[in-house]
Amino acid sequence: MIKNRIIVVNAVASIHSGALAVLKNFILNAIDTEFYFLIFTGIPIDIPEECNIRIIVKSNRTRLNRLYWDNFELNKELKSLNCVPDLVFSLQNTDFKVDHLVPHVVFFHNPFMLYDKSWNFFNKNERVFWFYKVVYKLIVKNSLNRQTVLIVQSQWAKKALIKKGFFNFSIKVFKESRSTKLKKISIFNGRQTIQLFYPATPLSYKNHKFLFDLLNYIKEFDTALFSRIKLNLTISKEDLLNLKLMNSYRNIEEAVLLNGYIDQSKVEKLYRESDFLIFPSLIETLGLPLLEASECGINIISINLEYAREVLSDYKNVVFLDCNDLQKWVDNIKHFLPTDRERHQIVTKDDFTSWVCIFEYFNELISRYE
């Protein structure tokens, strides 16, 4: 790797959830390279005092402000810093403009454009999702040019983007490799309680409603099982009100632990203490908790959707279920067993398997422009 090549990273919108996790993981790996990174973020990020990364915080970016930032203001910042990048990298779906002829790479992780599901503009809880599917698609597409490289996190996302009209762009797949952490797997670990965990933001498509329907079903038809279940969620009572789930919650609240927002160390602790990850999310590009839980070796009961099957294609301790049969979820909570045949992940030549691979690809792209 050639030293001192400058990479400018746009991540002002990566301030929470999976986008922030991707940014932090990117920084953690970037520190070990010989690039120099200038990263624009929306919130402060801790980095070592002396390293190859400079963070510049540009907070409070509304959608309209972000358009201006991507198209004009970021480039103006680079001019004021006398910064001539060798490559520019966006971690937030849209490309951005710079005066210099350099490679452009965009990390795409917005799921709403990839699904056929319709959202109601007149429903205030769905309006933002309608925006991402209908309007944001045009913003993303218009920000790109045919030389822009898109990086997605799965083969199915690549296929979905092509189907949605992004066939004129180079699309690369980044399947982050699983680093297994040791955890003895045992059914219920001999405890009286059954510890279920679902780390998800309080958004309707995360499908918390299904879990509450499931618990109400169990309470009605299997009181013995219900008395053993403890479901850890990363939402609050206020979130329940916004999701209109309070009435459903009141009937099963003894089985639910509302943790609210928790940091990554608490998330990892709950993985270690849980018997299952239970994952009914209707819309994802990757489903990061699926990867995290599989690294811990715990059992997973997941919705039967393509993103989940791909992420866990080589993982044995998982079962995939449709949400239209509550009894099957009950049966698998009670009698979960590893699958009787191994799944093998298929990795194509276009797949990246680590950030190291992506950084090597950056060098390759830069060399083409020299």
Protein backbone atom coordinates (compact mmCIF):
# COMPACT_ATOMS: atom_id res chain seq x y z
CA MET A 1 0.00 0.00 0.00
CA ILE A 2 1.37 3.39 -1.00
CA LYS A 3 1.79 5.77 1.94
CA ASN A 4 0.08 9.12 2.45
CA ARG A 5 -2.73 8.68 0.00
CA ILE A 6 -5.60 10.88 1.21
CA ILE A 7 -9.13 9.56 1.49
CA VAL A 8 -11.98 11.96 2.30
CA VAL A 9 -14.93 10.28 4.02
CA ASN A 10 -18.43 11.75 4.21
CA ALA A 11 -20.34 10.39 7.23
CA VAL A 12 -22.23 13.37 8.65
CA ALA A 13 -25.48 11.36 8.73
CA SER A 14 -23.97 8.28 10.43
CA ILE A 15 -25.08 9.20 13.93
CA HIS A 16 -27.03 6.20 15.24
CA SER A 17 -27.95 2.53 14.82
CA GLY A 18 -26.33 0.46 12.07
CA ALA A 19 -24.89 3.47 10.23
CA LEU A 20 -22.94 4.52 13.31
CA ALA A 21 -21.78 0.94 13.90
CA VAL A 22 -20.47 0.81 10.32
CA LEU A 23 -18.64 4.15 10.79
CA LYS A 24 -16.99 3.03 14.05
CA ASN A 25 -15.96 -0.30 12.55
CA PHE A 26 -14.56 1.50 9.51
CA ILE A 27 -12.49 3.82 11.73
CA LEU A 28 -11.26 0.91 13.84
CA ASN A 29 -9.89 -0.76 10.71
CA ALA A 30 -8.71 2.46 9.02
CA ILE A 31 -6.27 3.17 11.86
CA ASP A 32 -4.22 0.15 10.80
CA THR A 33 -3.67 1.39 7.23
CA GLU A 34 -1.13 3.70 5.61
CA PHE A 35 -3.81 6.00 4.21
CA TYR A 36 -4.51 9.40 5.69
CA PHE A 37 -8.24 9.84 6.36
CA LEU A 38 -10.15 13.09 6.64
CA ILE A 39 -13.57 12.10 8.00
CA PHE A 40 -16.56 14.43 8.29
CA THR A 41 -18.94 13.12 10.96
CA GLY A 42 -22.21 14.23 12.53
CA ILE A 43 -21.10 13.47 16.08
CA PRO A 44 -17.70 13.33 17.85
CA ILE A 45 -15.86 10.01 17.50
CA ASP A 46 -13.05 9.00 19.84
CA ILE A 47 -9.77 8.20 18.08
CA PRO A 48 -6.15 7.89 19.31
CA GLU A 49 -4.39 11.24 19.70
CA GLU A 50 -1.72 10.46 17.14
CA CYS A 51 -3.04 8.47 14.22
CA ASN A 52 -3.75 8.69 10.50
CA ILE A 53 -7.28 10.01 10.98
CA ARG A 54 -8.64 13.51 11.39
CA ILE A 55 -12.27 13.95 12.46
CA ILE A 56 -14.21 17.12 11.61
CA VAL A 57 -17.68 17.30 13.17
CA LYS A 58 -20.48 18.84 11.13
CA SER A 59 -23.62 18.29 13.18
CA ASN A 60 -27.36 18.99 12.81
CA ARG A 61 -27.64 18.07 9.14
CA THR A 62 -31.25 18.16 7.97
CA ARG A 63 -32.12 16.43 4.70
CA LEU A 64 -32.14 19.77 2.89
CA ASN A 65 -28.85 20.82 4.48
CA ARG A 66 -27.34 17.50 3.49
CA LEU A 67 -28.12 18.17 -0.18
CA TYR A 68 -26.30 21.48 0.06
CA TRP A 69 -23.45 19.85 2.01
CA ASP A 70 -23.01 17.05 -0.54
CA ASN A 71 -23.16 19.30 -3.57
CA PHE A 72 -21.36 22.46 -2.42
CA GLU A 73 -20.28 22.88 1.18
CA LEU A 74 -18.10 19.79 1.59
CA ASN A 75 -16.07 20.74 -1.48
CA LYS A 76 -15.73 24.26 -0.06
CA GLU A 77 -14.38 22.77 3.17
CA LEU A 78 -11.76 20.82 1.24
CA LYS A 79 -10.66 23.98 -0.54
CA SER A 80 -10.28 25.85 2.76
CA LEU A 81 -8.14 22.99 4.06
CA ASN A 82 -6.07 22.82 0.84
CA CYS A 83 -6.98 19.15 0.73
CA VAL A 84 -6.59 17.30 -2.57
CA PRO A 85 -8.01 13.80 -2.06
CA ASP A 86 -6.86 10.67 -3.85
CA LEU A 87 -10.25 9.04 -3.34
CA VAL A 88 -13.60 10.07 -1.82
CA PHE A 89 -15.78 7.67 0.13
CA SER A 90 -19.36 8.21 1.27
CA LEU A 91 -20.73 6.11 4.11
CA GLN A 92 -24.26 7.44 3.67
CA ASN A 93 -25.74 6.21 0.38
CA THR A 94 -25.24 9.40 -1.67
CA ASP A 95 -22.15 10.55 -3.53
CA PHE A 96 -20.73 14.07 -3.09
CA LYS A 97 -19.04 16.54 -5.40
CA VAL A 98 -15.37 17.52 -5.37
CA ASP A 99 -13.38 19.53 -7.90
CA HIS A 100 -10.78 16.84 -8.47
CA LEU A 101 -10.96 13.86 -10.83
CA VAL A 102 -10.65 11.03 -8.33
CA PRO A 103 -12.41 7.69 -7.67
CA HIS A 104 -15.79 7.90 -5.93
CA VAL A 105 -17.02 5.05 -3.72
CA VAL A 106 -20.39 4.95 -1.94
CA PHE A 107 -21.33 2.55 0.87
CA PHE A 108 -25.04 1.89 0.29
CA HIS A 109 -27.08 0.64 3.25
CA ASN A 110 -30.54 2.20 2.96
CA PRO A 111 -33.03 -0.68 2.75
CA PHE A 112 -36.25 1.13 1.78
CA MET A 113 -35.38 1.48 -1.91
CA LEU A 114 -34.79 -2.27 -2.18
CA TYR A 115 -38.24 -3.53 -1.20
CA ASP A 116 -41.57 -3.42 -3.04
CA LYS A 117 -43.48 -2.56 0.14
CA SER A 118 -45.63 0.57 -0.12
CA TRP A 119 -45.71 3.31 2.51
CA ASN A 120 -48.53 5.74 3.21
CA PHE A 121 -47.49 9.38 2.87
CA PHE A 122 -50.52 10.47 4.93
CA ASN A 123 -49.54 8.27 7.89
CA LYS A 124 -47.06 10.30 9.96
CA ASN A 125 -45.31 7.11 11.15
CA GLU A 126 -44.73 5.99 7.55
CA ARG A 127 -44.06 9.32 5.85
CA VAL A 128 -40.29 9.14 6.30
CA PHE A 129 -40.22 5.63 4.82
CA TRP A 130 -42.28 6.86 1.85
CA PHE A 131 -39.70 9.62 1.40
CA TYR A 132 -36.81 7.15 1.41
CA LYS A 133 -38.49 4.86 -1.09
CA VAL A 134 -39.87 7.45 -3.52
CA VAL A 135 -37.91 10.71 -3.22
CA TYR A 136 -34.61 9.52 -1.76
CA LYS A 137 -34.18 7.03 -4.60
CA LEU A 138 -34.03 9.96 -7.04
CA ILE A 139 -31.61 11.88 -4.80
CA VAL A 140 -29.29 8.87 -4.56
CA LYS A 141 -29.41 8.13 -8.27
CA ASN A 142 -28.83 11.76 -9.28
CA SER A 143 -25.84 12.01 -6.95
CA LEU A 144 -24.02 9.21 -8.77
CA ASN A 145 -22.21 9.08 -12.05
CA ARG A 146 -21.28 6.03 -14.09
CA GLN A 147 -17.80 5.95 -12.56
CA THR A 148 -19.15 5.76 -9.01
CA VAL A 149 -18.63 2.42 -7.30
CA LEU A 150 -21.41 1.25 -4.98
CA ILE A 151 -20.62 -1.09 -2.10
CA VAL A 152 -23.50 -3.10 -0.62
CA GLN A 153 -23.55 -5.69 2.16
CA SER A 154 -25.15 -8.65 0.38
CA GLN A 155 -25.66 -10.26 -2.99
CA TRP A 156 -29.43 -9.87 -2.66
CA ALA A 157 -29.02 -6.10 -2.16
CA LYS A 158 -26.92 -5.95 -5.33
CA LYS A 159 -29.63 -7.80 -7.25
CA ALA A 160 -32.32 -5.53 -5.80
CA LEU A 161 -30.43 -2.36 -6.80
CA ILE A 162 -30.01 -3.64 -10.36
CA LYS A 163 -33.73 -4.48 -10.45
CA LYS A 164 -34.51 -0.94 -9.24
CA GLY A 165 -32.63 0.62 -12.16
CA PHE A 166 -29.04 0.91 -10.87
CA PHE A 167 -27.66 -1.41 -13.57
CA ASN A 168 -25.38 1.29 -15.04
CA PHE A 169 -23.18 1.40 -11.95
CA SER A 170 -20.40 -0.82 -10.68
CA ILE A 171 -21.77 -2.61 -7.58
CA LYS A 172 -19.44 -4.51 -5.26
CA VAL A 173 -20.48 -6.72 -2.34
CA PHE A 174 -18.93 -6.45 1.12
CA LYS A 175 -19.68 -9.55 3.20
CA GLU A 176 -17.94 -8.88 6.47
CA SER A 177 -16.33 -12.08 7.70
CA ARG A 178 -17.61 -13.64 10.92
CA SER A 179 -15.13 -13.72 13.82
CA THR A 180 -16.46 -16.39 16.17
CA LYS A 181 -16.39 -15.65 19.87
CA LEU A 182 -16.42 -18.68 22.14
CA LYS A 183 -19.70 -19.37 23.90
CA LYS A 184 -20.89 -22.71 25.14
CA ILE A 185 -24.19 -23.44 23.43
CA SER A 186 -26.79 -25.20 25.53
CA ILE A 187 -30.54 -25.12 25.34
CA PHE A 188 -31.74 -22.59 27.92
CA ASN A 189 -28.36 -23.00 29.76
CA GLY A 190 -30.17 -24.87 32.55
CA ARG A 191 -32.01 -21.71 33.66
CA GLN A 192 -35.67 -21.56 34.55
CA THR A 193 -36.09 -18.44 32.44
CA ILE A 194 -35.80 -18.34 28.67
CA GLN A 195 -33.85 -15.21 27.74
CA LEU A 196 -34.82 -13.74 24.36
CA PHE A 197 -33.12 -10.68 22.89
CA TYR A 198 -34.11 -8.32 20.09
CA PRO A 199 -31.84 -5.26 19.67
CA ALA A 200 -33.71 -2.98 17.29
CA THR A 201 -34.60 0.68 16.98
CA PRO A 202 -38.22 1.73 17.61
CA LEU A 203 -39.40 1.78 14.00
CA SER A 204 -42.54 0.11 12.69
CA TYR A 205 -40.75 -2.05 10.11
CA LYS A 206 -38.64 -3.60 12.88
CA ASN A 207 -41.87 -5.47 13.64
CA HIS A 208 -41.99 -5.29 17.44
CA LYS A 209 -45.75 -5.72 16.99
CA PHE A 210 -45.18 -9.31 15.90
CA LEU A 211 -43.25 -10.10 19.08
CA PHE A 212 -46.03 -8.63 21.23
CA ASP A 213 -48.61 -10.63 19.27
CA LEU A 214 -46.47 -13.71 19.80
CA LEU A 215 -46.21 -13.17 23.56
CA ASN A 216 -49.95 -12.54 23.84
CA TYR A 217 -50.52 -15.76 21.92
CA ILE A 218 -48.22 -17.70 24.25
CA LYS A 219 -49.89 -16.20 27.33
CA GLU A 220 -53.29 -17.35 26.07
CA PHE A 221 -52.36 -20.87 24.98
CA ASP A 222 -49.25 -21.84 26.99
CA THR A 223 -49.11 -20.13 30.38
CA ALA A 224 -46.28 -22.38 31.58
CA LEU A 225 -44.02 -21.26 28.74
CA PHE A 226 -45.08 -17.64 29.14
CA SER A 227 -44.06 -17.66 32.80
CA ARG A 228 -40.49 -18.55 31.80
CA ILE A 229 -39.94 -16.00 29.02
CA LYS A 230 -37.99 -12.77 29.43
CA LEU A 231 -37.74 -10.68 26.26
CA ASN A 232 -35.06 -7.94 26.28
CA LEU A 233 -35.83 -5.02 23.97
CA THR A 234 -33.86 -1.85 23.25
CA ILE A 235 -36.88 0.44 23.27
CA SER A 236 -38.65 2.48 25.97
CA LYS A 237 -42.25 3.03 27.10
CA GLU A 238 -42.27 6.28 25.17
CA ASP A 239 -41.32 4.31 22.06
CA LEU A 240 -44.24 1.97 22.71
CA LEU A 241 -46.59 4.94 22.67
CA ASN A 242 -45.18 6.13 19.34
CA LEU A 243 -45.49 2.63 17.90
CA LYS A 244 -49.06 2.34 19.28
CA LEU A 245 -48.15 -0.85 21.15
CA MET A 246 -48.90 0.20 24.72
CA ASN A 247 -52.19 -1.70 25.01
CA SER A 248 -50.62 -4.87 23.70
CA TYR A 249 -47.64 -4.41 26.03
CA ARG A 250 -49.76 -4.00 29.18
CA ASN A 251 -51.09 -7.53 28.78
CA ILE A 252 -47.63 -9.13 28.64
CA GLU A 253 -45.38 -6.61 30.42
CA GLU A 254 -44.18 -9.13 33.03
CA ALA A 255 -42.38 -10.96 30.18
CA VAL A 256 -40.80 -7.85 28.61
CA LEU A 257 -37.75 -5.89 29.75
CA LEU A 258 -37.61 -2.41 28.20
CA ASN A 259 -33.96 -1.34 28.25
CA GLY A 260 -34.31 1.76 26.08
CA TYR A 261 -31.22 2.75 24.12
CA ILE A 262 -28.13 0.86 25.28
CA ASP A 263 -24.48 1.11 24.25
CA GLN A 264 -22.56 -1.62 22.45
CA SER A 265 -21.00 -3.05 25.63
CA LYS A 266 -24.48 -3.68 27.09
CA VAL A 267 -25.62 -5.16 23.78
CA GLU A 268 -22.71 -7.61 23.87
CA LYS A 269 -23.50 -8.49 27.50
CA LEU A 270 -27.10 -9.29 26.60
CA TYR A 271 -25.95 -11.48 23.71
CA ARG A 272 -23.80 -13.48 26.13
CA GLU A 273 -26.68 -13.89 28.58
CA SER A 274 -29.37 -14.75 26.02
CA ASP A 275 -30.62 -18.12 24.86
CA PHE A 276 -31.97 -16.75 21.62
CA LEU A 277 -31.80 -13.83 19.30
CA ILE A 278 -35.32 -13.46 17.97
CA PHE A 279 -35.38 -11.38 14.78
CA PRO A 280 -38.64 -10.53 12.95
CA SER A 281 -37.51 -7.35 11.14
CA LEU A 282 -39.36 -6.86 7.85
CA ILE A 283 -36.78 -4.62 6.16
CA GLU A 284 -32.96 -4.75 6.35
CA THR A 285 -29.97 -4.57 4.06
CA LEU A 286 -27.84 -6.77 6.33
CA GLY A 287 -29.42 -7.28 9.74
CA LEU A 288 -26.33 -6.57 11.86
CA PRO A 289 -27.67 -8.33 15.01
CA LEU A 290 -27.82 -11.56 13.01
CA LEU A 291 -24.09 -11.32 12.36
CA GLU A 292 -23.33 -10.26 15.94
CA ALA A 293 -25.40 -13.06 17.47
CA SER A 294 -23.84 -15.67 15.20
CA GLU A 295 -20.38 -14.49 16.30
CA CYS A 296 -21.46 -15.24 19.88
CA GLY A 297 -22.70 -18.67 18.85
CA ILE A 298 -26.20 -18.27 20.25
CA ASN A 299 -29.39 -19.73 18.82
CA ILE A 300 -31.29 -17.54 16.37
CA ILE A 301 -34.93 -17.58 15.35
CA SER A 302 -35.27 -15.29 12.35
CA ILE A 303 -37.89 -14.15 9.93
CA ASN A 304 -37.69 -16.08 6.68
CA LEU A 305 -36.47 -13.33 4.34
CA GLU A 306 -33.65 -13.28 1.80
CA TYR A 307 -31.38 -10.86 3.71
CA ALA A 308 -31.43 -13.13 6.78
CA ARG A 309 -30.84 -16.34 4.83
CA GLU A 310 -27.82 -14.82 3.11
CA VAL A 311 -26.22 -13.36 6.26
CA LEU A 312 -26.60 -16.70 8.06
CA SER A 313 -26.03 -18.99 5.07
CA ASP A 314 -23.16 -20.79 6.83
CA TYR A 315 -24.57 -20.71 10.36
CA LYS A 316 -26.02 -23.88 11.88
CA ASN A 317 -27.83 -22.65 14.99
CA VAL A 318 -30.63 -20.81 13.21
CA VAL A 319 -34.15 -21.49 12.05
CA PHE A 320 -36.05 -19.30 9.56
CA LEU A 321 -39.80 -18.87 10.04
CA ASP A 322 -42.65 -17.02 8.36
CA CYS A 323 -44.60 -14.58 10.53
CA ASN A 324 -47.98 -15.97 9.53
CA ASP A 325 -47.72 -19.00 11.84
CA LEU A 326 -47.32 -18.06 15.52
CA GLN A 327 -47.39 -21.68 16.65
CA LYS A 328 -44.20 -22.48 14.72
CA TRP A 329 -42.40 -19.71 16.60
CA VAL A 330 -43.69 -21.15 19.86
CA ASP A 331 -42.55 -24.65 18.92
CA ASN A 332 -39.06 -23.43 18.08
CA ILE A 333 -38.72 -21.38 21.25
CA LYS A 334 -39.57 -24.55 23.21
CA HIS A 335 -37.66 -27.10 21.20
CA PHE A 336 -34.99 -25.28 19.22
CA LEU A 337 -32.34 -27.61 17.80
CA PRO A 338 -29.42 -26.88 15.40
CA THR A 339 -30.13 -27.65 11.78
CA ASP A 340 -29.29 -31.20 10.72
CA ARG A 341 -27.17 -30.12 7.78
CA GLU A 342 -24.49 -27.53 7.39
CA ARG A 343 -25.01 -24.48 5.24
CA HIS A 344 -22.07 -23.18 3.27
CA GLN A 345 -21.69 -19.52 2.41
CA ILE A 346 -21.13 -18.90 -1.31
CA VAL A 347 -18.64 -16.10 -1.89
CA THR A 348 -18.24 -14.83 -5.44
CA LYS A 349 -15.14 -13.16 -6.89
CA ASP A 350 -16.79 -9.75 -6.47
CA ASP A 351 -17.23 -10.17 -2.73
CA PHE A 352 -15.11 -8.29 -0.19
CA THR A 353 -14.69 -10.20 3.06
CA SER A 354 -13.02 -7.53 5.23
CA TRP A 355 -12.23 -3.83 5.37
CA VAL A 356 -8.68 -4.83 4.43
CA CYS A 357 -10.05 -6.01 1.07
CA ILE A 358 -11.85 -2.70 0.59
CA PHE A 359 -8.71 -0.68 1.39
CA GLU A 360 -6.76 -2.77 -1.12
CA TYR A 361 -9.49 -2.02 -3.66
CA PHE A 362 -9.14 1.71 -2.86
CA ASN A 363 -5.47 1.48 -3.81
CA GLU A 364 -6.41 -0.26 -7.04
CA LEU A 365 -8.92 2.47 -7.93
CA ILE A 366 -6.49 5.27 -7.09
CA SER A 367 -3.82 3.70 -9.29
CA ARG A 368 -6.18 3.86 -12.28
CA TYR A 369 -6.39 7.63 -11.96
CA GLU A 370 -2.64 8.25 -11.63
